[in-house]
Amino acid sequence: MAERGTAHDALAGLWVPLATPFDGRDAPALPALVARARAVIADGARGVVLAGTTGEGPSLTVAERRALLDGLLAAGIEPARIVAGIACPALGDAVELARHAGRAGVAAVLLMPPFYFKAVTPRGVGRAIDAVLDRAPGMPPVLLYHFPQLSGVPLPVDLVAELAHRHGPRIAGLKDSEGDPARTFRMIDRLPDLAVFPGTEAYLAEACRRGAAGVISATANVAAAPIAAALAAFADGDAGRFATLAGEVRKRRLALERWPMIAAIKQLLAHTTGDPAWARLRPPLEPLDRAAREELLAWWDRAGGQPGRNIS
């Protein structure tokens, strides 16, 4: 990545927002999650994000989210390799998870604003984020999470700038999952010291050139190696290799967007690992129907994936 601020450098790279496997009793399947975390880190990821959107975080209880983090740490995943997702409509739950992440010493938290009430003002959203930071003084640095299509609560660029000014290095950056390259680039230009991560590799090439810290993408659950390789080529100044790899990962991402992303990623994980825990989703999400599943797996085989391994 290009020379930028401390937060940018500390978090730069590929972070994989892990899907959450569920056992036959609808409990998170920790051994499968640990194995996937190890696999994507071995494939070149900087680390993993727990209980984000791809991980169905809002469908997990606070206790389950805490247990997932504790389980990864107990299995030997380094705290510096973990970002803890916090997406809670209740302020107290967000504070509890922030404090727990602080005690664990993870690299950062991915903090979504409270998402039940709509038509709230930027001032109200800012107050909610202030409250989490104020009540959890030992929490890790914060990556704000902008995903208005799901949360219904946007984080305007001006609000992010105000929060960064007010809280200094405690605001480390932002994940921008809106999918609007122009907005991502405005954020990078406005706040060059923050670590800004697109939520898709669809515009990875231009994002890196503009100063993005990396990417946090669901696709990396099944294709971490090529995304990590693209970022490494950019960091090494290998423009030709970067252009080739960035084009390939863009093509793969756009192809996957033909299916509901979480269901598709989990179906591919079940296919590559042979573990049915990956195919299970919590309601209201549903798995792919048979026709969609067959279409997805046929595409996967054409794209270079095989049972037992991911695209490399």
Protein backbone atom coordinates (compact mmCIF):
# COMPACT_ATOMS: atom_id res chain seq x y z
CA MET A 1 0.00 0.00 0.00
CA ALA A 2 1.03 3.59 -0.48
CA GLU A 3 2.65 5.66 2.27
CA ARG A 4 -0.14 6.96 4.46
CA GLY A 5 -1.08 7.22 8.13
CA THR A 6 -0.40 4.96 11.08
CA ALA A 7 -3.87 3.36 11.12
CA HIS A 8 -3.66 2.72 7.39
CA ASP A 9 -0.33 0.93 7.72
CA ALA A 10 -1.32 -1.02 10.84
CA LEU A 11 -4.37 -2.56 9.18
CA ALA A 12 -3.40 -2.66 5.50
CA GLY A 13 -4.15 -5.79 3.52
CA LEU A 14 -6.92 -8.33 3.02
CA TRP A 15 -9.31 -8.99 5.88
CA VAL A 16 -11.68 -11.91 5.35
CA PRO A 17 -15.20 -11.45 6.78
CA LEU A 18 -15.67 -15.05 7.81
CA ALA A 19 -18.96 -16.80 7.19
CA THR A 20 -20.32 -18.56 10.28
CA PRO A 21 -20.92 -22.33 10.07
CA PHE A 22 -23.81 -23.81 12.06
CA ASP A 23 -24.13 -27.35 13.36
CA GLY A 24 -27.27 -29.46 13.20
CA ARG A 25 -28.62 -27.79 16.35
CA ASP A 26 -28.17 -24.28 14.88
CA ALA A 27 -25.19 -23.51 17.12
CA PRO A 28 -22.05 -21.92 15.66
CA ALA A 29 -19.62 -24.68 14.66
CA LEU A 30 -16.38 -23.41 16.15
CA PRO A 31 -13.96 -26.08 14.84
CA ALA A 32 -14.97 -25.34 11.25
CA LEU A 33 -14.62 -21.61 11.85
CA VAL A 34 -11.14 -22.03 13.31
CA ALA A 35 -10.07 -24.16 10.35
CA ARG A 36 -11.32 -21.54 7.90
CA ALA A 37 -9.53 -18.73 9.76
CA ARG A 38 -6.27 -20.66 9.60
CA ALA A 39 -6.78 -21.41 5.91
CA VAL A 40 -7.36 -17.84 4.76
CA ILE A 41 -4.45 -16.54 6.84
CA ALA A 42 -2.24 -19.20 5.27
CA ASP A 43 -3.48 -17.97 1.88
CA GLY A 44 -2.13 -14.49 2.60
CA ALA A 45 -4.92 -12.66 4.39
CA ARG A 46 -3.90 -10.10 7.01
CA GLY A 47 -6.62 -11.50 9.22
CA VAL A 48 -10.30 -12.23 9.68
CA VAL A 49 -13.43 -10.31 10.63
CA LEU A 50 -15.80 -12.09 12.99
CA ALA A 51 -19.58 -11.60 13.05
CA GLY A 52 -19.79 -9.15 10.18
CA THR A 53 -22.48 -9.22 7.53
CA THR A 54 -21.12 -12.33 5.81
CA GLY A 55 -20.85 -13.92 9.25
CA GLU A 56 -24.55 -13.20 9.93
CA GLY A 57 -23.45 -11.15 12.92
CA PRO A 58 -26.82 -9.51 13.64
CA SER A 59 -28.35 -13.02 13.79
CA LEU A 60 -25.90 -14.09 16.50
CA THR A 61 -26.50 -13.43 20.18
CA VAL A 62 -24.02 -11.36 22.15
CA ALA A 63 -22.97 -14.52 23.97
CA GLU A 64 -22.36 -16.34 20.68
CA ARG A 65 -20.28 -13.48 19.32
CA ARG A 66 -18.17 -13.43 22.46
CA ALA A 67 -17.74 -17.21 22.30
CA LEU A 68 -16.57 -17.10 18.68
CA LEU A 69 -13.87 -14.59 19.53
CA ASP A 70 -12.81 -16.52 22.62
CA GLY A 71 -12.74 -19.73 20.60
CA LEU A 72 -10.45 -18.35 17.92
CA LEU A 73 -8.08 -16.99 20.54
CA ALA A 74 -8.07 -20.30 22.44
CA ALA A 75 -7.22 -22.07 19.18
CA GLY A 76 -4.12 -19.93 18.76
CA ILE A 77 -5.30 -17.31 16.27
CA GLU A 78 -3.35 -14.19 17.21
CA PRO A 79 -5.43 -11.23 18.42
CA ALA A 80 -3.69 -9.02 15.85
CA ARG A 81 -5.25 -11.23 13.16
CA ILE A 82 -8.82 -10.54 14.31
CA VAL A 83 -11.32 -7.72 13.81
CA ALA A 84 -14.46 -8.14 15.93
CA GLY A 85 -17.74 -7.17 14.30
CA ILE A 86 -20.22 -5.13 16.35
CA ALA A 87 -23.66 -4.62 14.81
CA CYS A 88 -26.26 -4.06 17.52
CA PRO A 89 -29.38 -1.91 17.73
CA ALA A 90 -28.98 -1.79 21.53
CA LEU A 91 -26.22 0.49 22.78
CA GLY A 92 -25.55 -1.69 25.83
CA ASP A 93 -24.89 -4.74 23.66
CA ALA A 94 -22.47 -2.78 21.49
CA VAL A 95 -20.64 -1.56 24.59
CA GLU A 96 -20.42 -5.09 26.02
CA LEU A 97 -18.91 -6.42 22.79
CA ALA A 98 -16.52 -3.46 22.55
CA ARG A 99 -15.26 -4.06 26.08
CA HIS A 100 -14.86 -7.77 25.39
CA ALA A 101 -12.87 -7.02 22.23
CA GLY A 102 -10.70 -4.65 24.24
CA ARG A 103 -9.91 -7.30 26.83
CA ALA A 104 -9.05 -9.71 24.01
CA GLY A 105 -6.66 -7.20 22.46
CA VAL A 106 -7.85 -7.66 18.88
CA ALA A 107 -6.64 -5.45 16.03
CA ALA A 108 -9.86 -3.47 15.67
CA VAL A 109 -13.62 -3.59 15.87
CA LEU A 110 -15.94 -3.12 12.91
CA LEU A 111 -18.69 -0.90 14.31
CA MET A 112 -22.02 -0.47 12.56
CA PRO A 113 -24.32 2.30 13.82
CA PRO A 114 -27.57 1.26 15.57
CA PHE A 115 -29.76 0.06 12.73
CA TYR A 116 -33.39 -0.31 13.80
CA PHE A 117 -34.59 3.29 13.78
CA LYS A 118 -34.50 4.91 10.36
CA ALA A 119 -34.58 8.57 9.30
CA VAL A 120 -32.21 9.40 12.15
CA THR A 121 -29.93 12.42 11.86
CA PRO A 122 -26.16 12.31 11.44
CA ARG A 123 -25.98 14.00 14.84
CA GLY A 124 -27.93 11.14 16.42
CA VAL A 125 -25.75 8.54 14.73
CA GLY A 126 -22.66 10.39 15.92
CA ARG A 127 -23.96 10.44 19.49
CA ALA A 128 -24.46 6.67 19.39
CA ILE A 129 -20.90 6.08 18.21
CA ASP A 130 -19.57 8.57 20.76
CA ALA A 131 -21.40 6.67 23.49
CA VAL A 132 -19.77 3.35 22.59
CA LEU A 133 -16.33 4.94 22.60
CA ASP A 134 -16.99 6.79 25.85
CA ARG A 135 -18.34 3.74 27.69
CA ALA A 136 -15.65 1.35 26.44
CA PRO A 137 -12.45 3.37 26.89
CA GLY A 138 -10.25 0.29 26.52
CA MET A 139 -11.81 -0.91 23.27
CA PRO A 140 -9.63 -1.50 20.19
CA PRO A 141 -9.43 1.03 17.34
CA VAL A 142 -12.67 1.40 15.41
CA LEU A 143 -13.38 0.70 11.77
CA LEU A 144 -16.72 2.37 11.12
CA TYR A 145 -19.07 0.28 8.99
CA HIS A 146 -21.01 1.97 6.20
CA PHE A 147 -23.54 -0.40 4.60
CA PRO A 148 -26.76 1.60 4.19
CA GLN A 149 -28.44 -0.97 1.94
CA LEU A 150 -28.67 -3.28 4.96
CA SER A 151 -28.41 -1.02 7.99
CA GLY A 152 -30.63 1.73 6.61
CA VAL A 153 -28.37 4.16 8.49
CA PRO A 154 -25.67 5.80 6.38
CA LEU A 155 -22.42 7.28 7.65
CA PRO A 156 -21.98 10.52 5.68
CA VAL A 157 -18.42 11.52 4.84
CA ASP A 158 -18.78 14.68 6.95
CA LEU A 159 -19.84 12.63 9.99
CA VAL A 160 -16.87 10.29 9.62
CA ALA A 161 -14.59 13.32 9.44
CA GLU A 162 -16.15 14.77 12.60
CA LEU A 163 -15.76 11.49 14.48
CA ALA A 164 -12.14 11.15 13.37
CA HIS A 165 -11.43 14.70 14.53
CA ARG A 166 -13.22 14.18 17.85
CA HIS A 167 -11.71 10.80 18.73
CA GLY A 168 -8.35 10.94 16.98
CA PRO A 169 -6.59 7.60 16.50
CA ARG A 170 -9.42 5.69 18.15
CA ILE A 171 -11.17 5.97 14.76
CA ALA A 172 -8.84 3.88 12.61
CA GLY A 173 -10.83 3.77 9.41
CA LEU A 174 -13.96 2.63 7.64
CA LYS A 175 -15.36 -0.27 5.67
CA ASP A 176 -17.42 1.07 2.78
CA SER A 177 -19.85 -1.58 1.55
CA GLU A 178 -22.20 0.74 -0.31
CA GLY A 179 -20.52 -0.22 -3.59
CA ASP A 180 -20.17 3.36 -4.84
CA PRO A 181 -16.56 3.91 -5.93
CA ALA A 182 -16.95 7.69 -6.02
CA ARG A 183 -17.96 7.77 -2.36
CA THR A 184 -15.08 5.50 -1.37
CA PHE A 185 -12.64 7.77 -3.19
CA ARG A 186 -14.09 10.87 -1.54
CA MET A 187 -13.52 9.25 1.83
CA ILE A 188 -9.91 8.39 0.98
CA ASP A 189 -9.23 11.91 -0.31
CA ARG A 190 -10.90 13.60 2.66
CA LEU A 191 -9.25 11.47 5.35
CA PRO A 192 -5.96 10.15 3.97
CA ASP A 193 -4.71 8.90 7.35
CA LEU A 194 -7.67 6.55 7.84
CA ALA A 195 -7.65 2.94 6.69
CA VAL A 196 -10.47 2.83 4.13
CA PHE A 197 -11.55 -0.59 2.89
CA PRO A 198 -14.01 -1.18 0.04
CA GLY A 199 -16.35 -4.08 0.71
CA THR A 200 -15.80 -5.45 -2.78
CA GLU A 201 -12.89 -6.12 -5.11
CA ALA A 202 -15.03 -5.01 -8.08
CA TYR A 203 -13.08 -1.73 -8.14
CA LEU A 204 -9.96 -2.90 -6.34
CA ALA A 205 -7.50 -1.59 -8.93
CA GLU A 206 -8.60 2.02 -8.75
CA ALA A 207 -9.19 1.84 -4.99
CA CYS A 208 -5.59 0.78 -4.38
CA ARG A 209 -4.26 3.47 -6.68
CA ARG A 210 -6.33 6.06 -4.83
CA GLY A 211 -5.01 4.95 -1.44
CA ALA A 212 -7.33 2.26 -0.04
CA ALA A 213 -5.83 0.23 2.78
CA GLY A 214 -6.94 -3.05 1.24
CA VAL A 215 -10.28 -4.82 0.99
CA ILE A 216 -12.76 -6.62 3.27
CA SER A 217 -14.69 -8.88 0.91
CA ALA A 218 -17.00 -11.86 1.30
CA THR A 219 -15.45 -13.44 -1.80
CA ALA A 220 -12.22 -13.95 0.14
CA ASN A 221 -13.86 -16.77 2.10
CA VAL A 222 -13.33 -18.92 -0.98
CA ALA A 223 -10.68 -16.99 -2.95
CA ALA A 224 -8.34 -15.35 -0.45
CA ALA A 225 -5.12 -16.28 -2.23
CA PRO A 226 -5.66 -14.34 -5.49
CA ILE A 227 -6.97 -11.26 -3.68
CA ALA A 228 -4.01 -11.30 -1.30
CA ALA A 229 -1.68 -11.79 -4.25
CA ALA A 230 -3.15 -8.77 -6.02
CA LEU A 231 -2.63 -6.59 -2.95
CA ALA A 232 0.92 -7.90 -2.55
CA ALA A 233 1.71 -7.08 -6.18
CA PHE A 234 0.47 -3.54 -5.64
CA ALA A 235 2.54 -3.15 -2.48
CA ASP A 236 5.60 -4.45 -4.35
CA GLY A 237 5.10 -1.97 -7.19
CA ASP A 238 4.57 -4.73 -9.77
CA ALA A 239 2.08 -2.83 -11.92
CA GLY A 240 1.69 -5.47 -14.60
CA ARG A 241 1.02 -8.34 -12.23
CA PHE A 242 -1.28 -6.15 -10.15
CA ALA A 243 -3.36 -5.16 -13.18
CA THR A 244 -3.73 -8.79 -14.24
CA LEU A 245 -4.67 -10.08 -10.79
CA ALA A 246 -6.99 -7.16 -10.02
CA GLY A 247 -8.81 -7.83 -13.27
CA GLU A 248 -9.21 -11.49 -12.42
CA VAL A 249 -10.57 -10.91 -8.93
CA ARG A 250 -12.95 -8.24 -10.26
CA LYS A 251 -14.32 -10.71 -12.80
CA ARG A 252 -14.81 -13.37 -10.14
CA ARG A 253 -16.58 -10.99 -7.77
CA LEU A 254 -18.98 -9.73 -10.42
CA ALA A 255 -19.79 -13.30 -11.43
CA LEU A 256 -20.60 -14.25 -7.82
CA GLU A 257 -22.99 -11.32 -7.51
CA ARG A 258 -25.48 -13.23 -9.67
CA TRP A 259 -26.46 -15.15 -6.52
CA PRO A 260 -27.35 -14.01 -2.99
CA MET A 261 -23.84 -13.46 -1.68
CA ILE A 262 -23.97 -15.03 1.78
CA ALA A 263 -25.86 -18.11 0.61
CA ALA A 264 -23.50 -18.53 -2.34
CA ILE A 265 -20.35 -18.21 -0.25
CA LYS A 266 -21.63 -20.71 2.28
CA GLN A 267 -22.63 -23.18 -0.42
CA LEU A 268 -19.15 -22.96 -1.93
CA LEU A 269 -17.57 -23.49 1.48
CA ALA A 270 -19.73 -26.58 2.02
CA HIS A 271 -18.69 -27.80 -1.42
CA THR A 272 -14.96 -27.24 -0.95
CA THR A 273 -14.73 -28.56 2.61
CA GLY A 274 -17.35 -31.31 2.49
CA ASP A 275 -18.78 -29.94 5.75
CA PRO A 276 -22.57 -29.33 5.68
CA ALA A 277 -22.24 -26.87 8.57
CA TRP A 278 -21.20 -24.26 6.04
CA ALA A 279 -24.39 -24.59 4.00
CA ARG A 280 -26.66 -23.70 6.92
CA LEU A 281 -27.98 -20.15 7.35
CA ARG A 282 -30.04 -18.69 10.15
CA PRO A 283 -33.52 -17.45 9.31
CA PRO A 284 -34.55 -15.18 7.77
CA LEU A 285 -31.72 -16.02 5.35
CA GLU A 286 -32.23 -19.13 3.25
CA PRO A 287 -29.91 -21.43 1.32
CA LEU A 288 -29.90 -21.50 -2.45
CA ASP A 289 -32.55 -23.61 -4.10
CA ARG A 290 -31.46 -26.64 -6.10
CA ALA A 291 -31.33 -24.92 -9.48
CA ALA A 292 -29.30 -22.00 -8.18
CA ARG A 293 -26.98 -24.33 -6.30
CA GLU A 294 -26.28 -26.40 -9.41
CA GLU A 295 -25.68 -23.27 -11.48
CA LEU A 296 -23.28 -21.89 -8.85
CA LEU A 297 -21.25 -25.08 -8.55
CA ALA A 298 -21.01 -25.43 -12.33
CA TRP A 299 -19.64 -21.88 -12.50
CA TRP A 300 -17.21 -22.67 -9.68
CA ASP A 301 -15.80 -25.66 -11.53
CA ARG A 302 -15.33 -23.58 -14.68
CA ALA A 303 -13.64 -20.83 -12.64
CA GLY A 304 -10.99 -23.20 -11.32
CA GLY A 305 -12.39 -24.32 -7.98
CA GLN A 306 -12.45 -27.95 -6.95
CA PRO A 307 -13.93 -29.92 -4.08
CA GLY A 308 -11.45 -29.83 -1.22
CA ARG A 309 -9.75 -26.55 -2.07
CA ASN A 310 -10.41 -22.93 -2.92
CA ILE A 311 -9.32 -20.98 -5.93
CA SER A 312 -5.59 -20.30 -5.73
